[in-house]
Amino acid sequence: MAGYGTPIDAAAGGRVTAVGFAGDYGLRVEITDSYGLVEVYAHMSAVETAVGVSVQQGSEIGQVGSTGLSVGSHLHLQLEIGGVPADPLPLIGCATPS
């Protein structure tokens, strides 16, 4: 879990394709890369980007929060391939937790 207001940096580059409230996800940003992979960042407290903006890997896109169906501040990072959720850990170079 991350503290409320902690900066969120884009895990990969792409174009911002959605910003706003999305039900249980609360305030969220979606970034689509050139291959069509979609990164979803949810439960944010604030957004620092807008639809149509090209972002680079590591660019700040907002801050951690607890909006939507959430208990406690944290970042929900989801990768979607063809609209289907996929494990984001290989994309961001992390080992799978054991």
PDB file of N, CA and C in Angstrom:
ATOM      1  N   MET A   1       0.848  -1.173   0.000  1.00  0.00           N
ATOM      2  CA  MET A   1       0.000   0.000   0.000  1.00  0.00           C
ATOM      3  C   MET A   1       0.894   1.237   0.000  1.00  0.00           C
ATOM      4  N   ALA A   2       0.406   2.250  -0.637  1.00  0.00           N
ATOM      5  CA  ALA A   2       1.140   3.514  -0.723  1.00  0.00           C
ATOM      6  C   ALA A   2       0.349   4.600  -0.017  1.00  0.00           C
ATOM      7  N   GLY A   3       1.035   5.568   0.520  1.00  0.00           N
ATOM      8  CA  GLY A   3       0.386   6.656   1.227  1.00  0.00           C
ATOM      9  C   GLY A   3      -0.431   7.555   0.312  1.00  0.00           C
ATOM     10  N   TYR A   4      -1.490   8.112   0.864  1.00  0.00           N
ATOM     11  CA  TYR A   4      -2.357   9.028   0.128  1.00  0.00           C
ATOM     12  C   TYR A   4      -1.523  10.166  -0.448  1.00  0.00           C
ATOM     13  N   GLY A   5      -1.697  10.435  -1.736  1.00  0.00           N
ATOM     14  CA  GLY A   5      -0.984  11.528  -2.384  1.00  0.00           C
ATOM     15  C   GLY A   5       0.373  11.172  -2.957  1.00  0.00           C
ATOM     16  N   THR A   6       0.827   9.923  -2.767  1.00  0.00           N
ATOM     17  CA  THR A   6       2.099   9.496  -3.347  1.00  0.00           C
ATOM     18  C   THR A   6       2.020   9.611  -4.872  1.00  0.00           C
ATOM     19  N   PRO A   7       3.033  10.190  -5.523  1.00  0.00           N
ATOM     20  CA  PRO A   7       2.990  10.306  -6.986  1.00  0.00           C
ATOM     21  C   PRO A   7       2.921   8.940  -7.670  1.00  0.00           C
ATOM     22  N   ILE A   8       2.155   8.873  -8.756  1.00  0.00           N
ATOM     23  CA  ILE A   8       2.056   7.673  -9.585  1.00  0.00           C
ATOM     24  C   ILE A   8       2.746   7.985 -10.909  1.00  0.00           C
ATOM     25  N   ASP A   9       3.737   7.162 -11.270  1.00  0.00           N
ATOM     26  CA  ASP A   9       4.446   7.313 -12.534  1.00  0.00           C
ATOM     27  C   ASP A   9       3.985   6.234 -13.507  1.00  0.00           C
ATOM     28  N   ALA A  10       3.887   6.579 -14.777  1.00  0.00           N
ATOM     29  CA  ALA A  10       3.474   5.624 -15.803  1.00  0.00           C
ATOM     30  C   ALA A  10       4.477   4.477 -15.887  1.00  0.00           C
ATOM     31  N   ALA A  11       3.964   3.247 -15.868  1.00  0.00           N
ATOM     32  CA  ALA A  11       4.826   2.066 -15.968  1.00  0.00           C
ATOM     33  C   ALA A  11       5.411   1.923 -17.368  1.00  0.00           C
ATOM     34  N   ALA A  12       4.689   2.411 -18.367  1.00  0.00           N
ATOM     35  CA  ALA A  12       5.144   2.378 -19.763  1.00  0.00           C
ATOM     36  C   ALA A  12       4.581   3.603 -20.465  1.00  0.00           C
ATOM     37  N   GLY A  13       5.104   3.897 -21.626  1.00  0.00           N
ATOM     38  CA  GLY A  13       4.613   5.045 -22.377  1.00  0.00           C
ATOM     39  C   GLY A  13       3.409   4.704 -23.230  1.00  0.00           C
ATOM     40  N   GLY A  14       2.721   5.739 -23.683  1.00  0.00           N
ATOM     41  CA  GLY A  14       1.565   5.558 -24.556  1.00  0.00           C
ATOM     42  C   GLY A  14       0.727   6.817 -24.583  1.00  0.00           C
ATOM     43  N   ARG A  15      -0.497   6.677 -25.076  1.00  0.00           N
ATOM     44  CA  ARG A  15      -1.427   7.802 -25.154  1.00  0.00           C
ATOM     45  C   ARG A  15      -2.527   7.601 -24.118  1.00  0.00           C
ATOM     46  N   VAL A  16      -2.863   8.660 -23.395  1.00  0.00           N
ATOM     47  CA  VAL A  16      -3.945   8.598 -22.406  1.00  0.00           C
ATOM     48  C   VAL A  16      -5.264   8.484 -23.169  1.00  0.00           C
ATOM     49  N   THR A  17      -6.001   7.396 -22.903  1.00  0.00           N
ATOM     50  CA  THR A  17      -7.244   7.131 -23.629  1.00  0.00           C
ATOM     51  C   THR A  17      -8.489   7.272 -22.765  1.00  0.00           C
ATOM     52  N   ALA A  18      -8.323   7.379 -21.448  1.00  0.00           N
ATOM     53  CA  ALA A  18      -9.480   7.599 -20.570  1.00  0.00           C
ATOM     54  C   ALA A  18      -9.011   8.218 -19.263  1.00  0.00           C
ATOM     55  N   VAL A  19      -9.812   9.141 -18.745  1.00  0.00           N
ATOM     56  CA  VAL A  19      -9.580   9.784 -17.451  1.00  0.00           C
ATOM     57  C   VAL A  19     -10.946  10.036 -16.841  1.00  0.00           C
ATOM     58  N   GLY A  20     -11.092   9.765 -15.543  1.00  0.00           N
ATOM     59  CA  GLY A  20     -12.342  10.090 -14.869  1.00  0.00           C
ATOM     60  C   GLY A  20     -12.775   8.993 -13.921  1.00  0.00           C
ATOM     61  N   PHE A  21     -13.968   9.173 -13.370  1.00  0.00           N
ATOM     62  CA  PHE A  21     -14.509   8.194 -12.433  1.00  0.00           C
ATOM     63  C   PHE A  21     -15.114   7.032 -13.201  1.00  0.00           C
ATOM     64  N   ALA A  22     -14.877   5.818 -12.701  1.00  0.00           N
ATOM     65  CA  ALA A  22     -15.363   4.599 -13.358  1.00  0.00           C
ATOM     66  C   ALA A  22     -15.873   3.621 -12.308  1.00  0.00           C
ATOM     67  N   GLY A  23     -17.013   3.938 -11.695  1.00  0.00           N
ATOM     68  CA  GLY A  23     -17.647   3.028 -10.742  1.00  0.00           C
ATOM     69  C   GLY A  23     -16.726   2.602  -9.618  1.00  0.00           C
ATOM     70  N   ASP A  24     -16.608   1.271  -9.443  1.00  0.00           N
ATOM     71  CA  ASP A  24     -15.809   0.717  -8.351  1.00  0.00           C
ATOM     72  C   ASP A  24     -14.335   1.099  -8.439  1.00  0.00           C
ATOM     73  N   TYR A  25     -13.837   1.407  -9.637  1.00  0.00           N
ATOM     74  CA  TYR A  25     -12.434   1.801  -9.805  1.00  0.00           C
ATOM     75  C   TYR A  25     -12.171   3.223  -9.325  1.00  0.00           C
ATOM     76  N   GLY A  26     -13.213   3.993  -9.095  1.00  0.00           N
ATOM     77  CA  GLY A  26     -13.027   5.377  -8.676  1.00  0.00           C
ATOM     78  C   GLY A  26     -12.349   6.186  -9.764  1.00  0.00           C
ATOM     79  N   LEU A  27     -11.548   7.152  -9.340  1.00  0.00           N
ATOM     80  CA  LEU A  27     -10.823   7.998 -10.286  1.00  0.00           C
ATOM     81  C   LEU A  27      -9.710   7.172 -10.918  1.00  0.00           C
ATOM     82  N   ARG A  28      -9.715   7.122 -12.267  1.00  0.00           N
ATOM     83  CA  ARG A  28      -8.747   6.266 -12.945  1.00  0.00           C
ATOM     84  C   ARG A  28      -8.233   6.919 -14.223  1.00  0.00           C
ATOM     85  N   VAL A  29      -7.057   6.420 -14.648  1.00  0.00           N
ATOM     86  CA  VAL A  29      -6.427   6.817 -15.907  1.00  0.00           C
ATOM     87  C   VAL A  29      -6.144   5.540 -16.684  1.00  0.00           C
ATOM     88  N   GLU A  30      -6.400   5.578 -17.996  1.00  0.00           N
ATOM     89  CA  GLU A  30      -6.032   4.474 -18.874  1.00  0.00           C
ATOM     90  C   GLU A  30      -5.039   4.993 -19.909  1.00  0.00           C
ATOM     91  N   ILE A  31      -3.959   4.233 -20.096  1.00  0.00           N
ATOM     92  CA  ILE A  31      -2.938   4.565 -21.091  1.00  0.00           C
ATOM     93  C   ILE A  31      -2.834   3.388 -22.052  1.00  0.00           C
ATOM     94  N   THR A  32      -2.936   3.673 -23.350  1.00  0.00           N
ATOM     95  CA  THR A  32      -2.839   2.633 -24.373  1.00  0.00           C
ATOM     96  C   THR A  32      -1.528   2.810 -25.131  1.00  0.00           C
ATOM     97  N   ASP A  33      -0.761   1.704 -25.242  1.00  0.00           N
ATOM     98  CA  ASP A  33       0.512   1.796 -25.957  1.00  0.00           C
ATOM     99  C   ASP A  33       0.324   1.480 -27.441  1.00  0.00           C
ATOM    100  N   SER A  34       1.395   1.520 -28.201  1.00  0.00           N
ATOM    101  CA  SER A  34       1.318   1.335 -29.656  1.00  0.00           C
ATOM    102  C   SER A  34       0.932  -0.086 -30.058  1.00  0.00           C
ATOM    103  N   TYR A  35       0.998  -1.037 -29.120  1.00  0.00           N
ATOM    104  CA  TYR A  35       0.598  -2.420 -29.392  1.00  0.00           C
ATOM    105  C   TYR A  35      -0.851  -2.687 -28.993  1.00  0.00           C
ATOM    106  N   GLY A  36      -1.502  -1.694 -28.393  1.00  0.00           N
ATOM    107  CA  GLY A  36      -2.880  -1.864 -27.950  1.00  0.00           C
ATOM    108  C   GLY A  36      -3.022  -2.345 -26.519  1.00  0.00           C
ATOM    109  N   LEU A  37      -1.897  -2.491 -25.794  1.00  0.00           N
ATOM    110  CA  LEU A  37      -1.973  -2.862 -24.380  1.00  0.00           C
ATOM    111  C   LEU A  37      -2.470  -1.657 -23.594  1.00  0.00           C
ATOM    112  N   VAL A  38      -3.361  -1.900 -22.640  1.00  0.00           N
ATOM    113  CA  VAL A  38      -3.944  -0.816 -21.853  1.00  0.00           C
ATOM    114  C   VAL A  38      -3.522  -0.961 -20.396  1.00  0.00           C
ATOM    115  N   GLU A  39      -2.936   0.100 -19.850  1.00  0.00           N
ATOM    116  CA  GLU A  39      -2.608   0.163 -18.424  1.00  0.00           C
ATOM    117  C   GLU A  39      -3.733   0.930 -17.743  1.00  0.00           C
ATOM    118  N   VAL A  40      -4.305   0.363 -16.689  1.00  0.00           N
ATOM    119  CA  VAL A  40      -5.361   1.027 -15.930  1.00  0.00           C
ATOM    120  C   VAL A  40      -4.806   1.332 -14.541  1.00  0.00           C
ATOM    121  N   TYR A  41      -4.859   2.598 -14.151  1.00  0.00           N
ATOM    122  CA  TYR A  41      -4.430   3.060 -12.831  1.00  0.00           C
ATOM    123  C   TYR A  41      -5.694   3.526 -12.124  1.00  0.00           C
ATOM    124  N   ALA A  42      -6.053   2.900 -11.001  1.00  0.00           N
ATOM    125  CA  ALA A  42      -7.347   3.185 -10.380  1.00  0.00           C
ATOM    126  C   ALA A  42      -7.217   3.570  -8.906  1.00  0.00           C
ATOM    127  N   HIS A  43      -8.319   4.101  -8.369  1.00  0.00           N
ATOM    128  CA  HIS A  43      -8.466   4.549  -6.976  1.00  0.00           C
ATOM    129  C   HIS A  43      -7.612   5.784  -6.686  1.00  0.00           C
ATOM    130  N   MET A  44      -7.333   6.582  -7.711  1.00  0.00           N
ATOM    131  CA  MET A  44      -6.457   7.744  -7.587  1.00  0.00           C
ATOM    132  C   MET A  44      -7.133   8.890  -6.830  1.00  0.00           C
ATOM    133  N   SER A  45      -6.328   9.732  -6.176  1.00  0.00           N
ATOM    134  CA  SER A  45      -6.862  10.921  -5.497  1.00  0.00           C
ATOM    135  C   SER A  45      -6.853  12.128  -6.424  1.00  0.00           C
ATOM    136  N   ALA A  46      -5.929  12.142  -7.387  1.00  0.00           N
ATOM    137  CA  ALA A  46      -5.816  13.263  -8.328  1.00  0.00           C
ATOM    138  C   ALA A  46      -5.179  12.766  -9.613  1.00  0.00           C
ATOM    139  N   VAL A  47      -5.499  13.452 -10.707  1.00  0.00           N
ATOM    140  CA  VAL A  47      -4.963  13.115 -12.027  1.00  0.00           C
ATOM    141  C   VAL A  47      -4.153  14.302 -12.537  1.00  0.00           C
ATOM    142  N   GLU A  48      -2.987  14.025 -13.128  1.00  0.00           N
ATOM    143  CA  GLU A  48      -2.101  15.068 -13.650  1.00  0.00           C
ATOM    144  C   GLU A  48      -1.923  14.944 -15.162  1.00  0.00           C
ATOM    145  N   THR A  49      -2.927  14.401 -15.852  1.00  0.00           N
ATOM    146  CA  THR A  49      -2.855  14.247 -17.299  1.00  0.00           C
ATOM    147  C   THR A  49      -4.255  14.387 -17.872  1.00  0.00           C
ATOM    148  N   ALA A  50      -4.389  14.237 -19.183  1.00  0.00           N
ATOM    149  CA  ALA A  50      -5.689  14.378 -19.841  1.00  0.00           C
ATOM    150  C   ALA A  50      -5.751  13.449 -21.048  1.00  0.00           C
ATOM    151  N   VAL A  51      -6.963  13.134 -21.473  1.00  0.00           N
ATOM    152  CA  VAL A  51      -7.160  12.287 -22.648  1.00  0.00           C
ATOM    153  C   VAL A  51      -6.448  12.907 -23.853  1.00  0.00           C
ATOM    154  N   GLY A  52      -5.738  12.061 -24.590  1.00  0.00           N
ATOM    155  CA  GLY A  52      -5.030  12.501 -25.787  1.00  0.00           C
ATOM    156  C   GLY A  52      -3.571  12.840 -25.574  1.00  0.00           C
ATOM    157  N   VAL A  53      -3.161  12.980 -24.319  1.00  0.00           N
ATOM    158  CA  VAL A  53      -1.770  13.322 -24.007  1.00  0.00           C
ATOM    159  C   VAL A  53      -0.882  12.090 -24.200  1.00  0.00           C
ATOM    160  N   SER A  54       0.272  12.269 -24.827  1.00  0.00           N
ATOM    161  CA  SER A  54       1.275  11.205 -24.925  1.00  0.00           C
ATOM    162  C   SER A  54       2.147  11.279 -23.681  1.00  0.00           C
ATOM    163  N   VAL A  55       2.273  10.153 -22.991  1.00  0.00           N
ATOM    164  CA  VAL A  55       3.103  10.111 -21.788  1.00  0.00           C
ATOM    165  C   VAL A  55       4.274   9.164 -22.013  1.00  0.00           C
ATOM    166  N   GLN A  56       5.376   9.482 -21.383  1.00  0.00           N
ATOM    167  CA  GLN A  56       6.566   8.647 -21.429  1.00  0.00           C
ATOM    168  C   GLN A  56       6.615   7.794 -20.169  1.00  0.00           C
ATOM    169  N   GLN A  57       7.288   6.662 -20.255  1.00  0.00           N
ATOM    170  CA  GLN A  57       7.498   5.840 -19.076  1.00  0.00           C
ATOM    171  C   GLN A  57       8.131   6.704 -17.994  1.00  0.00           C
ATOM    172  N   GLY A  58       7.602   6.626 -16.773  1.00  0.00           N
ATOM    173  CA  GLY A  58       8.133   7.393 -15.653  1.00  0.00           C
ATOM    174  C   GLY A  58       7.504   8.755 -15.457  1.00  0.00           C
ATOM    175  N   SER A  59       6.660   9.193 -16.397  1.00  0.00           N
ATOM    176  CA  SER A  59       5.974  10.487 -16.251  1.00  0.00           C
ATOM    177  C   SER A  59       4.930  10.398 -15.145  1.00  0.00           C
ATOM    178  N   GLU A  60       4.858  11.442 -14.317  1.00  0.00           N
ATOM    179  CA  GLU A  60       3.826  11.453 -13.274  1.00  0.00           C
ATOM    180  C   GLU A  60       2.460  11.667 -13.923  1.00  0.00           C
ATOM    181  N   ILE A  61       1.513  10.775 -13.581  1.00  0.00           N
ATOM    182  CA  ILE A  61       0.162  10.869 -14.138  1.00  0.00           C
ATOM    183  C   ILE A  61      -0.892  11.180 -13.081  1.00  0.00           C
ATOM    184  N   GLY A  62      -0.516  11.140 -11.806  1.00  0.00           N
ATOM    185  CA  GLY A  62      -1.479  11.433 -10.747  1.00  0.00           C
ATOM    186  C   GLY A  62      -0.944  11.027  -9.391  1.00  0.00           C
ATOM    187  N   GLN A  63      -1.875  10.917  -8.417  1.00  0.00           N
ATOM    188  CA  GLN A  63      -1.498  10.561  -7.056  1.00  0.00           C
ATOM    189  C   GLN A  63      -2.381   9.433  -6.520  1.00  0.00           C
ATOM    190  N   VAL A  64      -1.782   8.660  -5.628  1.00  0.00           N
ATOM    191  CA  VAL A  64      -2.471   7.551  -4.964  1.00  0.00           C
ATOM    192  C   VAL A  64      -3.632   8.078  -4.138  1.00  0.00           C
ATOM    193  N   GLY A  65      -4.714   7.308  -4.112  1.00  0.00           N
ATOM    194  CA  GLY A  65      -5.877   7.683  -3.319  1.00  0.00           C
ATOM    195  C   GLY A  65      -6.647   6.466  -2.858  1.00  0.00           C
ATOM    196  N   SER A  66      -7.929   6.676  -2.605  1.00  0.00           N
ATOM    197  CA  SER A  66      -8.812   5.608  -2.137  1.00  0.00           C
ATOM    198  C   SER A  66     -10.225   5.872  -2.632  1.00  0.00           C
ATOM    199  N   THR A  67     -10.367   6.210  -3.921  1.00  0.00           N
ATOM    200  CA  THR A  67     -11.681   6.503  -4.483  1.00  0.00           C
ATOM    201  C   THR A  67     -12.331   5.220  -4.990  1.00  0.00           C
ATOM    202  N   GLY A  68     -13.645   5.269  -5.192  1.00  0.00           N
ATOM    203  CA  GLY A  68     -14.375   4.092  -5.653  1.00  0.00           C
ATOM    204  C   GLY A  68     -14.512   3.079  -4.533  1.00  0.00           C
ATOM    205  N   LEU A  69     -14.608   1.802  -4.896  1.00  0.00           N
ATOM    206  CA  LEU A  69     -14.750   0.724  -3.920  1.00  0.00           C
ATOM    207  C   LEU A  69     -13.356   0.354  -3.428  1.00  0.00           C
ATOM    208  N   SER A  70     -12.926   1.033  -2.380  1.00  0.00           N
ATOM    209  CA  SER A  70     -11.558   0.915  -1.901  1.00  0.00           C
ATOM    210  C   SER A  70     -11.529   1.119  -0.399  1.00  0.00           C
ATOM    211  N   VAL A  71     -10.651   0.377   0.258  1.00  0.00           N
ATOM    212  CA  VAL A  71     -10.441   0.564   1.691  1.00  0.00           C
ATOM    213  C   VAL A  71      -8.961   0.853   1.884  1.00  0.00           C
ATOM    214  N   GLY A  72      -8.631   2.103   2.114  1.00  0.00           N
ATOM    215  CA  GLY A  72      -7.244   2.498   2.303  1.00  0.00           C
ATOM    216  C   GLY A  72      -6.581   2.917   1.009  1.00  0.00           C
ATOM    217  N   SER A  73      -5.644   3.825   1.125  1.00  0.00           N
ATOM    218  CA  SER A  73      -4.924   4.344  -0.039  1.00  0.00           C
ATOM    219  C   SER A  73      -4.043   3.264  -0.645  1.00  0.00           C
ATOM    220  N   HIS A  74      -4.142   3.115  -1.959  1.00  0.00           N
ATOM    221  CA  HIS A  74      -3.300   2.178  -2.689  1.00  0.00           C
ATOM    222  C   HIS A  74      -3.436   2.453  -4.181  1.00  0.00           C
ATOM    223  N   LEU A  75      -2.544   1.881  -4.971  1.00  0.00           N
ATOM    224  CA  LEU A  75      -2.645   1.955  -6.421  1.00  0.00           C
ATOM    225  C   LEU A  75      -3.127   0.617  -6.942  1.00  0.00           C
ATOM    226  N   HIS A  76      -4.190   0.640  -7.712  1.00  0.00           N
ATOM    227  CA  HIS A  76      -4.655  -0.543  -8.442  1.00  0.00           C
ATOM    228  C   HIS A  76      -4.110  -0.383  -9.854  1.00  0.00           C
ATOM    229  N   LEU A  77      -3.138  -1.213 -10.229  1.00  0.00           N
ATOM    230  CA  LEU A  77      -2.572  -1.204 -11.578  1.00  0.00           C
ATOM    231  C   LEU A  77      -3.029  -2.468 -12.278  1.00  0.00           C
ATOM    232  N   GLN A  78      -3.678  -2.280 -13.408  1.00  0.00           N
ATOM    233  CA  GLN A  78      -4.192  -3.418 -14.170  1.00  0.00           C
ATOM    234  C   GLN A  78      -3.752  -3.279 -15.618  1.00  0.00           C
ATOM    235  N   LEU A  79      -3.328  -4.375 -16.213  1.00  0.00           N
ATOM    236  CA  LEU A  79      -2.972  -4.420 -17.626  1.00  0.00           C
ATOM    237  C   LEU A  79      -4.078  -5.168 -18.347  1.00  0.00           C
ATOM    238  N   GLU A  80      -4.530  -4.621 -19.471  1.00  0.00           N
ATOM    239  CA  GLU A  80      -5.550  -5.295 -20.269  1.00  0.00           C
ATOM    240  C   GLU A  80      -5.012  -5.538 -21.674  1.00  0.00           C
ATOM    241  N   ILE A  81      -5.225  -6.746 -22.150  1.00  0.00           N
ATOM    242  CA  ILE A  81      -4.857  -7.127 -23.513  1.00  0.00           C
ATOM    243  C   ILE A  81      -6.142  -7.551 -24.207  1.00  0.00           C
ATOM    244  N   GLY A  82      -6.546  -6.798 -25.205  1.00  0.00           N
ATOM    245  CA  GLY A  82      -7.797  -7.095 -25.892  1.00  0.00           C
ATOM    246  C   GLY A  82      -9.000  -6.991 -24.981  1.00  0.00           C
ATOM    247  N   GLY A  83      -8.932  -6.094 -23.998  1.00  0.00           N
ATOM    248  CA  GLY A  83     -10.032  -5.904 -23.064  1.00  0.00           C
ATOM    249  C   GLY A  83     -10.085  -6.916 -21.934  1.00  0.00           C
ATOM    250  N   VAL A  84      -9.108  -7.830 -21.884  1.00  0.00           N
ATOM    251  CA  VAL A  84      -9.066  -8.869 -20.853  1.00  0.00           C
ATOM    252  C   VAL A  84      -7.930  -8.554 -19.882  1.00  0.00           C
ATOM    253  N   PRO A  85      -8.216  -8.537 -18.563  1.00  0.00           N
ATOM    254  CA  PRO A  85      -7.150  -8.274 -17.591  1.00  0.00           C
ATOM    255  C   PRO A  85      -6.021  -9.306 -17.699  1.00  0.00           C
ATOM    256  N   ALA A  86      -4.784  -8.828 -17.570  1.00  0.00           N
ATOM    257  CA  ALA A  86      -3.597  -9.679 -17.621  1.00  0.00           C
ATOM    258  C   ALA A  86      -2.648  -9.251 -16.503  1.00  0.00           C
ATOM    259  N   ASP A  87      -1.718 -10.117 -16.155  1.00  0.00           N
ATOM    260  CA  ASP A  87      -0.750  -9.838 -15.097  1.00  0.00           C
ATOM    261  C   ASP A  87       0.212  -8.735 -15.550  1.00  0.00           C
ATOM    262  N   PRO A  88       0.266  -7.586 -14.846  1.00  0.00           N
ATOM    263  CA  PRO A  88       1.166  -6.508 -15.260  1.00  0.00           C
ATOM    264  C   PRO A  88       2.618  -6.711 -14.834  1.00  0.00           C
ATOM    265  N   LEU A  89       2.900  -7.656 -13.955  1.00  0.00           N
ATOM    266  CA  LEU A  89       4.252  -7.796 -13.418  1.00  0.00           C
ATOM    267  C   LEU A  89       5.307  -8.042 -14.497  1.00  0.00           C
ATOM    268  N   PRO A  90       5.064  -8.895 -15.507  1.00  0.00           N
ATOM    269  CA  PRO A  90       6.093  -9.052 -16.551  1.00  0.00           C
ATOM    270  C   PRO A  90       6.376  -7.746 -17.302  1.00  0.00           C
ATOM    271  N   LEU A  91       5.367  -6.923 -17.504  1.00  0.00           N
ATOM    272  CA  LEU A  91       5.539  -5.653 -18.213  1.00  0.00           C
ATOM    273  C   LEU A  91       6.437  -4.697 -17.450  1.00  0.00           C
ATOM    274  N   ILE A  92       6.276  -4.656 -16.134  1.00  0.00           N
ATOM    275  CA  ILE A  92       7.027  -3.685 -15.346  1.00  0.00           C
ATOM    276  C   ILE A  92       8.313  -4.267 -14.761  1.00  0.00           C
ATOM    277  N   GLY A  93       8.630  -5.520 -15.126  1.00  0.00           N
ATOM    278  CA  GLY A  93       9.908  -6.103 -14.750  1.00  0.00           C
ATOM    279  C   GLY A  93      10.015  -6.531 -13.307  1.00  0.00           C
ATOM    280  N   CYS A  94       8.904  -6.900 -12.698  1.00  0.00           N
ATOM    281  CA  CYS A  94       8.922  -7.360 -11.310  1.00  0.00           C
ATOM    282  C   CYS A  94       8.804  -8.875 -11.267  1.00  0.00           C
ATOM    283  N   ALA A  95       9.394  -9.450 -10.263  1.00  0.00           N
ATOM    284  CA  ALA A  95       9.212 -10.876 -10.035  1.00  0.00           C
ATOM    285  C   ALA A  95       7.827 -11.102  -9.449  1.00  0.00           C
ATOM    286  N   THR A  96       7.227 -12.222  -9.778  1.00  0.00           N
ATOM    287  CA  THR A  96       5.921 -12.556  -9.223  1.00  0.00           C
ATOM    288  C   THR A  96       6.084 -12.838  -7.739  1.00  0.00           C
ATOM    289  N   PRO A  97       5.249 -12.204  -6.893  1.00  0.00           N
ATOM    290  CA  PRO A  97       5.353 -12.451  -5.451  1.00  0.00           C
ATOM    291  C   PRO A  97       5.073 -13.913  -5.127  1.00  0.00           C
ATOM    292  N   SER A  98       5.783 -14.449  -4.151  1.00  0.00           N
ATOM    293  CA  SER A  98       5.555 -15.849  -3.777  1.00  0.00           C
ATOM    294  C   SER A  98       4.694 -15.951  -2.546  1.00  0.00           C
TER     295      SER A  98
END
